C-alpha atoms as a PDB file:
ATOM      1  CA  GLY A   1       8.741  63.070 -83.161  1.00  0.00           C
ATOM      2  CA  TYR A   2      10.822  60.047 -84.065  1.00  0.00           C
ATOM      3  CA  GLU A   3       7.709  57.989 -84.802  1.00  0.00           C
ATOM      4  CA  SER A   4       6.795  60.528 -87.473  1.00  0.00           C
ATOM      5  CA  VAL A   5      10.151  59.957 -89.166  1.00  0.00           C
ATOM      6  CA  CYS A   6       9.607  56.192 -89.126  1.00  0.00           C
ATOM      7  CA  ALA A   7       6.019  56.393 -90.407  1.00  0.00           C
ATOM      8  CA  HIS A   8       6.752  59.040 -93.058  1.00  0.00           C
ATOM      9  CA  ARG A   9       7.073  56.610 -95.986  1.00  0.00           C
ATOM     10  CA  THR A  10       3.873  54.787 -95.052  1.00  0.00           C
ATOM     11  CA  LEU A  11       1.917  58.041 -94.790  1.00  0.00           C
ATOM     12  CA  ARG A  12       3.266  59.282 -98.114  1.00  0.00           C
ATOM     13  CA  LEU A  13       2.281  56.073 -99.899  1.00  0.00           C
ATOM     14  CA  LEU A  14      -1.094  56.054 -98.163  1.00  0.00           C
ATOM     15  CA  ALA A  15      -1.752  59.579 -99.400  1.00  0.00           C
ATOM     16  CA  GLU A  16      -0.742  58.581-102.932  1.00  0.00           C
ATOM     17  CA  HIS A  17      -3.069  55.555-102.911  1.00  0.00           C
ATOM     18  CA  ALA A  18      -5.941  57.704-101.624  1.00  0.00           C
ATOM     19  CA  ALA A  19      -5.301  60.324-104.311  1.00  0.00           C
ATOM     20  CA  GLU A  20      -5.266  57.630-106.991  1.00  0.00           C
ATOM     21  CA  ALA A  21      -8.687  56.542-105.690  1.00  0.00           C
ATOM     22  CA  GLY A  22     -10.014  60.072-106.258  1.00  0.00           C
ATOM     23  CA  ILE A  23      -9.792  61.209-102.630  1.00  0.00           C
ATOM     24  CA  ALA A  24      -8.309  64.695-102.205  1.00  0.00           C
ATOM     25  CA  THR A  25      -5.404  64.379 -99.771  1.00  0.00           C
ATOM     26  CA  LEU A  26      -3.182  66.781 -97.827  1.00  0.00           C
ATOM     27  CA  ARG A  27      -0.132  66.082 -95.660  1.00  0.00           C
ATOM     28  CA  PHE A  28       1.302  68.835 -93.471  1.00  0.00           C
ATOM     29  CA  ASP A  29       3.925  69.568 -90.800  1.00  0.00           C
ATOM     30  CA  TYR A  30       2.747  70.564 -87.335  1.00  0.00           C
ATOM     31  CA  ASP A  31       3.710  73.966 -85.975  1.00  0.00           C
ATOM     32  CA  GLY A  32       7.358  73.815 -84.904  1.00  0.00           C
ATOM     33  CA  THR A  33       8.144  70.684 -86.935  1.00  0.00           C
ATOM     34  CA  GLY A  34       9.423  69.962 -90.441  1.00  0.00           C
ATOM     35  CA  ASP A  35       8.963  72.919 -92.771  1.00  0.00           C
ATOM     36  CA  SER A  36       6.509  74.751 -90.491  1.00  0.00           C
ATOM     37  CA  ALA A  37       7.383  77.864 -88.506  1.00  0.00           C
ATOM     38  CA  GLY A  38       8.036  77.751 -84.774  1.00  0.00           C
ATOM     39  CA  GLY A  39      10.146  75.490 -82.583  1.00  0.00           C
ATOM     40  CA  SER A  40      10.014  72.799 -79.911  1.00  0.00           C
ATOM     41  CA  LEU A  41      10.772  75.281 -77.118  1.00  0.00           C
ATOM     42  CA  ASP A  42       7.829  77.547 -77.981  1.00  0.00           C
ATOM     43  CA  PRO A  43       4.941  77.678 -75.473  1.00  0.00           C
ATOM     44  CA  LYS A  44       1.543  76.004 -75.861  1.00  0.00           C
ATOM     45  CA  ARG A  45       2.741  73.267 -78.217  1.00  0.00           C
ATOM     46  CA  PRO A  46      -0.302  70.918 -77.984  1.00  0.00           C
ATOM     47  CA  ALA A  47      -2.683  73.798 -78.681  1.00  0.00           C
ATOM     48  CA  ALA A  48      -0.552  74.861 -81.649  1.00  0.00           C
ATOM     49  CA  TRP A  49      -0.557  71.303 -83.004  1.00  0.00           C
ATOM     50  CA  VAL A  50      -4.337  71.081 -82.732  1.00  0.00           C
ATOM     51  CA  GLU A  51      -4.637  74.398 -84.534  1.00  0.00           C
ATOM     52  CA  SER A  52      -2.293  73.053 -87.244  1.00  0.00           C
ATOM     53  CA  ILE A  53      -4.813  70.291 -87.941  1.00  0.00           C
ATOM     54  CA  ARG A  54      -7.685  72.750 -88.085  1.00  0.00           C
ATOM     55  CA  ALA A  55      -5.741  75.100 -90.348  1.00  0.00           C
ATOM     56  CA  ALA A  56      -5.000  72.192 -92.686  1.00  0.00           C
ATOM     57  CA  ALA A  57      -8.713  71.327 -92.745  1.00  0.00           C
ATOM     58  CA  ARG A  58      -9.663  74.899 -93.612  1.00  0.00           C
ATOM     59  CA  PHE A  59      -7.067  74.925 -96.384  1.00  0.00           C
ATOM     60  CA  MET A  60      -8.440  71.650 -97.762  1.00  0.00           C
ATOM     61  CA  ARG A  61     -11.983  72.954 -97.821  1.00  0.00           C
ATOM     62  CA  GLU A  62     -10.965  76.196 -99.534  1.00  0.00           C
ATOM     63  CA  SER A  63      -8.737  74.398-102.042  1.00  0.00           C
ATOM     64  CA  THR A  64     -10.992  71.490-102.990  1.00  0.00           C
ATOM     65  CA  GLY A  65     -14.526  72.624-102.200  1.00  0.00           C
ATOM     66  CA  ARG A  66     -15.228  69.328-100.443  1.00  0.00           C
ATOM     67  CA  ARG A  67     -18.079  69.670 -97.963  1.00  0.00           C
ATOM     68  CA  ARG A  68     -16.836  67.137 -95.433  1.00  0.00           C
ATOM     69  CA  LEU A  69     -13.353  65.996 -94.453  1.00  0.00           C
ATOM     70  CA  CYS A  70     -11.636  63.074 -92.727  1.00  0.00           C
ATOM     71  CA  ALA A  71      -8.521  63.381 -90.550  1.00  0.00           C
ATOM     72  CA  LEU A  72      -5.985  60.545 -90.350  1.00  0.00           C
ATOM     73  CA  GLY A  73      -3.263  60.318 -87.730  1.00  0.00           C
ATOM     74  CA  VAL A  74      -0.702  57.846 -86.404  1.00  0.00           C
ATOM     75  CA  ARG A  75       0.028  57.474 -82.672  1.00  0.00           C
ATOM     76  CA  LEU A  76       0.063  60.949 -81.065  1.00  0.00           C
ATOM     77  CA  GLY A  77      -1.161  62.390 -84.358  1.00  0.00           C
ATOM     78  CA  ALA A  78      -4.315  60.285 -84.035  1.00  0.00           C
ATOM     79  CA  THR A  79      -4.779  61.553 -80.478  1.00  0.00           C
ATOM     80  CA  LEU A  80      -4.356  65.172 -81.546  1.00  0.00           C
ATOM     81  CA  ALA A  81      -6.758  64.624 -84.433  1.00  0.00           C
ATOM     82  CA  ALA A  82      -9.442  63.426 -82.020  1.00  0.00           C
ATOM     83  CA  LEU A  83      -8.935  66.594 -79.969  1.00  0.00           C
ATOM     84  CA  ALA A  84      -8.931  68.838 -83.044  1.00  0.00           C
ATOM     85  CA  ILE A  85     -12.180  67.412 -84.366  1.00  0.00           C
ATOM     86  CA  SER A  86     -14.074  68.039 -81.131  1.00  0.00           C
ATOM     87  CA  ASP A  87     -16.188  71.184 -81.467  1.00  0.00           C
ATOM     88  CA  PHE A  88     -14.857  71.695 -84.996  1.00  0.00           C
ATOM     89  CA  ALA A  89     -17.446  71.136 -87.696  1.00  0.00           C
ATOM     90  CA  GLU A  90     -14.956  71.222 -90.574  1.00  0.00           C
ATOM     91  CA  ILE A  91     -13.903  67.570 -89.961  1.00  0.00           C
ATOM     92  CA  ASP A  92     -16.449  64.851 -89.315  1.00  0.00           C
ATOM     93  CA  ALA A  93     -14.589  61.575 -89.889  1.00  0.00           C
ATOM     94  CA  LEU A  94     -11.475  60.159 -88.233  1.00  0.00           C
ATOM     95  CA  ILE A  95      -8.967  57.402 -88.951  1.00  0.00           C
ATOM     96  CA  ALA A  96      -6.834  56.646 -85.895  1.00  0.00           C
ATOM     97  CA  ILE A  97      -3.818  54.383 -86.439  1.00  0.00           C
ATOM     98  CA  ALA A  98      -2.443  52.918 -83.175  1.00  0.00           C
ATOM     99  CA  PRO A  99      -3.722  55.962 -81.227  1.00  0.00           C
ATOM    100  CA  ILE A 100      -2.216  56.880 -77.864  1.00  0.00           C
ATOM    101  CA  ILE A 101      -5.125  56.725 -75.451  1.00  0.00           C
ATOM    102  CA  ASN A 102      -3.402  57.828 -72.235  1.00  0.00           C
ATOM    103  CA  VAL A 103      -0.679  60.312 -73.137  1.00  0.00           C
ATOM    104  CA  LYS A 104       0.665  60.430 -69.580  1.00  0.00           C
ATOM    105  CA  GLY A 105       1.643  56.773 -69.883  1.00  0.00           C
ATOM    106  CA  TYR A 106       3.204  57.454 -73.280  1.00  0.00           C
ATOM    107  CA  LEU A 107       5.405  60.173 -71.777  1.00  0.00           C
ATOM    108  CA  ARG A 108       6.636  57.682 -69.173  1.00  0.00           C
ATOM    109  CA  GLU A 109       7.680  55.398 -72.020  1.00  0.00           C
ATOM    110  CA  LEU A 110       9.561  58.261 -73.674  1.00  0.00           C
ATOM    111  CA  ARG A 111      11.396  59.043 -70.426  1.00  0.00           C
ATOM    112  CA  MET A 112      12.461  55.419 -70.088  1.00  0.00           C
ATOM    113  CA  LEU A 113      13.697  55.509 -73.683  1.00  0.00           C
ATOM    114  CA  GLN A 114      15.634  58.683 -72.950  1.00  0.00           C
ATOM    115  CA  LEU A 115      17.295  57.070 -69.930  1.00  0.00           C
ATOM    116  CA  ALA A 116      18.243  54.004 -71.942  1.00  0.00           C
ATOM    117  CA  MET A 117      19.743  56.099 -74.740  1.00  0.00           C
ATOM    118  CA  ASP A 118      21.622  58.334 -72.290  1.00  0.00           C
ATOM    119  CA  SER A 119      23.016  55.268 -70.519  1.00  0.00           C
ATOM    120  CA  ARG A 120      24.467  53.985 -73.780  1.00  0.00           C
ATOM    121  CA  ARG A 121      26.169  57.330 -74.380  1.00  0.00           C
ATOM    122  CA  ASN A 122      27.235  57.808 -70.743  1.00  0.00           C
ATOM    123  CA  LEU A 123      25.269  61.062 -70.537  1.00  0.00           C
ATOM    124  CA  THR A 124      23.997  62.705 -67.364  1.00  0.00           C
ATOM    125  CA  ARG A 125      21.264  65.316 -67.669  1.00  0.00           C
ATOM    126  CA  ASP A 126      20.313  68.184 -65.400  1.00  0.00           C
ATOM    127  CA  SER A 127      16.841  67.160 -64.196  1.00  0.00           C
ATOM    128  CA  ALA A 128      16.094  70.762 -63.226  1.00  0.00           C
ATOM    129  CA  ASP A 129      15.377  71.820 -66.805  1.00  0.00           C
ATOM    130  CA  ASN A 130      12.649  69.142 -67.136  1.00  0.00           C
ATOM    131  CA  VAL A 131      13.184  68.924 -70.894  1.00  0.00           C
ATOM    132  CA  LEU A 132      12.517  65.518 -72.401  1.00  0.00           C
ATOM    133  CA  GLU A 133      14.756  64.715 -75.359  1.00  0.00           C
ATOM    134  CA  THR A 134      14.206  61.423 -77.117  1.00  0.00           C
ATOM    135  CA  GLY A 135      15.209  60.418 -80.612  1.00  0.00           C
ATOM    136  CA  GLY A 136      16.394  63.963 -81.318  1.00  0.00           C
ATOM    137  CA  PHE A 137      13.088  65.647 -80.439  1.00  0.00           C
ATOM    138  CA  LEU A 138      12.359  67.955 -77.491  1.00  0.00           C
ATOM    139  CA  LEU A 139       9.372  68.285 -75.171  1.00  0.00           C
ATOM    140  CA  THR A 140       9.538  71.062 -72.594  1.00  0.00           C
ATOM    141  CA  GLY A 141       8.140  70.668 -69.098  1.00  0.00           C
ATOM    142  CA  GLU A 142       5.165  72.825 -70.077  1.00  0.00           C
ATOM    143  CA  THR A 143       4.478  70.668 -73.129  1.00  0.00           C
ATOM    144  CA  GLN A 144       4.737  67.481 -71.089  1.00  0.00           C
ATOM    145  CA  ALA A 145       2.324  68.830 -68.489  1.00  0.00           C
ATOM    146  CA  ALA A 146      -0.235  69.762 -71.144  1.00  0.00           C
ATOM    147  CA  LEU A 147       0.076  66.411 -72.893  1.00  0.00           C
ATOM    148  CA  SER A 148      -0.280  64.548 -69.591  1.00  0.00           C
ATOM    149  CA  GLU A 149      -3.840  65.830 -69.284  1.00  0.00           C
ATOM    150  CA  ILE A 150      -4.946  64.046 -72.465  1.00  0.00           C
ATOM    151  CA  HIS A 151      -6.834  60.772 -72.048  1.00  0.00           C
ATOM    152  CA  LEU A 152      -9.122  59.873 -74.927  1.00  0.00           C
ATOM    153  CA  GLU A 153     -11.376  57.600 -72.898  1.00  0.00           C
ATOM    154  CA  LYS A 154     -12.135  60.512 -70.567  1.00  0.00           C
ATOM    155  CA  MET A 155     -13.281  62.860 -73.324  1.00  0.00           C
ATOM    156  CA  PRO A 156     -16.944  63.748 -72.730  1.00  0.00           C
ATOM    157  CA  PRO A 157     -19.601  63.022 -75.360  1.00  0.00           C
ATOM    158  CA  PRO A 158     -20.403  63.528 -78.124  1.00  0.00           C
ATOM    159  CA  ALA A 159     -17.833  61.518 -80.067  1.00  0.00           C
ATOM    160  CA  PRO A 160     -15.256  63.636 -81.899  1.00  0.00           C
ATOM    161  CA  ALA A 161     -16.505  62.317 -85.255  1.00  0.00           C
ATOM    162  CA  ARG A 162     -19.569  60.577 -86.620  1.00  0.00           C
ATOM    163  CA  ASP A 163     -17.538  57.976 -88.529  1.00  0.00           C
ATOM    164  CA  VAL A 164     -14.361  56.533 -87.005  1.00  0.00           C
ATOM    165  CA  LEU A 165     -11.935  53.846 -88.156  1.00  0.00           C
ATOM    166  CA  VAL A 166      -9.589  52.612 -85.419  1.00  0.00           C
ATOM    167  CA  LEU A 167      -6.643  50.575 -86.691  1.00  0.00           C
ATOM    168  CA  ASP A 168      -4.908  49.001 -83.707  1.00  0.00           C
ATOM    169  CA  ARG A 169      -1.529  47.283 -83.643  1.00  0.00           C
ATOM    170  CA  GLN A 170      -2.206  43.552 -83.792  1.00  0.00           C
ATOM    171  CA  GLU A 171       0.598  42.445 -81.481  1.00  0.00           C
ATOM    172  CA  MET A 172      -0.291  44.887 -78.687  1.00  0.00           C
ATOM    173  CA  THR A 173      -3.868  46.135 -78.904  1.00  0.00           C
ATOM    174  CA  GLY A 174      -4.609  49.149 -76.757  1.00  0.00           C
ATOM    175  CA  ALA A 175      -7.490  51.038 -78.344  1.00  0.00           C
ATOM    176  CA  SER A 176     -10.383  48.561 -78.158  1.00  0.00           C
ATOM    177  CA  ASN A 177     -11.843  50.156 -75.020  1.00  0.00           C
ATOM    178  CA  TRP A 178     -11.675  53.585 -76.629  1.00  0.00           C
ATOM    179  CA  ALA A 179     -13.472  52.244 -79.697  1.00  0.00           C
ATOM    180  CA  GLN A 180     -16.224  50.939 -77.448  1.00  0.00           C
ATOM    181  CA  HIS A 181     -16.328  54.277 -75.633  1.00  0.00           C
ATOM    182  CA  LEU A 182     -16.836  56.046 -78.964  1.00  0.00           C
ATOM    183  CA  ARG A 183     -19.693  53.693 -79.852  1.00  0.00           C
ATOM    184  CA  SER A 184     -21.355  54.490 -76.527  1.00  0.00           C
ATOM    185  CA  THR A 185     -21.289  58.194 -77.441  1.00  0.00           C
ATOM    186  CA  GLY A 186     -23.019  57.610 -80.772  1.00  0.00           C
ATOM    187  CA  ALA A 187     -20.203  57.203 -83.304  1.00  0.00           C
ATOM    188  CA  ASN A 188     -20.139  54.672 -86.138  1.00  0.00           C
ATOM    189  CA  VAL A 189     -16.909  52.870 -85.272  1.00  0.00           C
ATOM    190  CA  GLU A 190     -15.022  50.156 -87.120  1.00  0.00           C
ATOM    191  CA  TYR A 191     -12.217  48.620 -85.059  1.00  0.00           C
ATOM    192  CA  LEU A 192      -9.568  46.562 -86.872  1.00  0.00           C
ATOM    193  CA  PRO A 193      -6.255  45.258 -85.519  1.00  0.00           C
ATOM    194  CA  PHE A 194      -3.664  45.203 -88.302  1.00  0.00           C
ATOM    195  CA  ALA A 195      -0.375  43.395 -88.844  1.00  0.00           C
ATOM    196  CA  GLY A 196       2.875  45.161 -89.672  1.00  0.00           C
ATOM    197  CA  TYR A 197       2.943  47.977 -87.121  1.00  0.00           C
ATOM    198  CA  ALA A 198       6.373  47.062 -85.737  1.00  0.00           C
ATOM    199  CA  GLU A 199       7.853  46.865 -89.230  1.00  0.00           C
ATOM    200  CA  MET A 200       6.259  50.193 -90.160  1.00  0.00           C
ATOM    201  CA  MET A 201       7.958  51.856 -87.182  1.00  0.00           C
ATOM    202  CA  LEU A 202      11.497  50.594 -87.781  1.00  0.00           C
ATOM    203  CA  ASP A 203      14.271  53.098 -88.492  1.00  0.00           C
ATOM    204  CA  ALA A 204      13.401  55.058 -91.616  1.00  0.00           C
ATOM    205  CA  HIS A 205      15.815  53.156 -93.882  1.00  0.00           C
ATOM    206  CA  GLU A 206      14.403  49.792 -92.757  1.00  0.00           C
ATOM    207  CA  THR A 207      10.671  50.529 -92.510  1.00  0.00           C
ATOM    208  CA  VAL A 208       8.258  48.160 -94.254  1.00  0.00           C
ATOM    209  CA  VAL A 209       5.030  49.696 -95.550  1.00  0.00           C
ATOM    210  CA  PRO A 210       1.924  47.751 -94.383  1.00  0.00           C
ATOM    211  CA  GLN A 211       0.169  47.503 -97.725  1.00  0.00           C
ATOM    212  CA  ASP A 212      -2.816  45.638 -96.265  1.00  0.00           C
ATOM    213  CA  MET A 213      -3.425  48.452 -93.798  1.00  0.00           C
ATOM    214  CA  ILE A 214      -3.270  51.027 -96.588  1.00  0.00           C
ATOM    215  CA  GLY A 215      -5.822  49.011 -98.533  1.00  0.00           C
ATOM    216  CA  LYS A 216      -8.173  48.950 -95.539  1.00  0.00           C
ATOM    217  CA  VAL A 217      -7.904  52.718 -95.113  1.00  0.00           C
ATOM    218  CA  VAL A 218      -8.633  53.485 -98.766  1.00  0.00           C
ATOM    219  CA  SER A 219     -11.549  51.007 -98.861  1.00  0.00           C
ATOM    220  CA  TRP A 220     -13.048  52.563 -95.729  1.00  0.00           C
ATOM    221  CA  LEU A 221     -12.724  56.061 -97.176  1.00  0.00           C
ATOM    222  CA  ARG A 222     -14.328  55.038-100.460  1.00  0.00           C
ATOM    223  CA  ALA A 223     -17.271  53.529 -98.562  1.00  0.00           C
ATOM    224  CA  LEU A 224     -18.057  56.885 -96.951  1.00  0.00           C
ATOM    225  CA  PRO A 225     -20.552  59.203 -98.675  1.00  0.00           C
ATOM    226  CA  ALA A 226     -18.891  60.955-101.592  1.00  0.00           C
ATOM    227  CA  ASP A 227     -18.911  64.380 -99.939  1.00  0.00           C
ATOM    228  CA  SER A 228     -16.970  62.987 -96.950  1.00  0.00           C
ATOM    229  CA  GLN A 229     -13.847  62.599 -99.055  1.00  0.00           C
END
C-alpha cells in the first residue's frame, strides 16, 4: 500500500547496491498491485501475495541458476515473506525490515488513519461494505479477515528461514521478541535496530534513503555462503 510507495526509492537503491556487490536481485509487484494483473477487490489477496513471492523466487532460480535465495521485505512485505518461506525450500534466508508482527493490530492502525483522513475531508462511509481504504489503497473485508489471522510470534517451528536479519526501527522497536522466538526455533538471527525509518517512510517526494541500513543489508548478504546470494 502507501508504505510501498514511500519505501520504493529505498528498495530500488538497495537493489542497485546489492547488484553492484555481485548479488543477483529481483524486485516485483504483488498480484493486484503495480504492473501485475489482478485487483484489490479480488478474493484471496494474502494467498495471492504469498504466491507472488514464491513465483518471483522460482523465476530467480530459473533465470540465474542460484541454488539458494534470500527474500527481503519491508513492513507487511516482511511479514508475507516469512509466510511465503515456510514450507518452501526455494528460499532459505530472510531480511525483515520493520516487520509487522501482529497484523490485526496493524489493521487497527490503518482504520484509525482512515478515520482521521475522512474527518479532514468531511467524508462519511457506509460501514456495511467493510472496505478499508487508506492512502488510496483498498482492503476488502475478506482480505482484512485473512490478514487478521497472521501473527508471526505464533507461527509454529521450524523457523521460516535458517538465516534471518531483522532490522527494527530504532525509535519504536517491535520485533525483538520475534527475533528471540526465531532463535528458539533454531534460526541464525541477527537483530539490529536502525536509524532513519521515519525519514524513509515520508511522502515519496520527501523520503530520505537510510544509507547505513542499506550498507548493513549488503554486508549481511555478502557474509552468507556464496550460493545463498
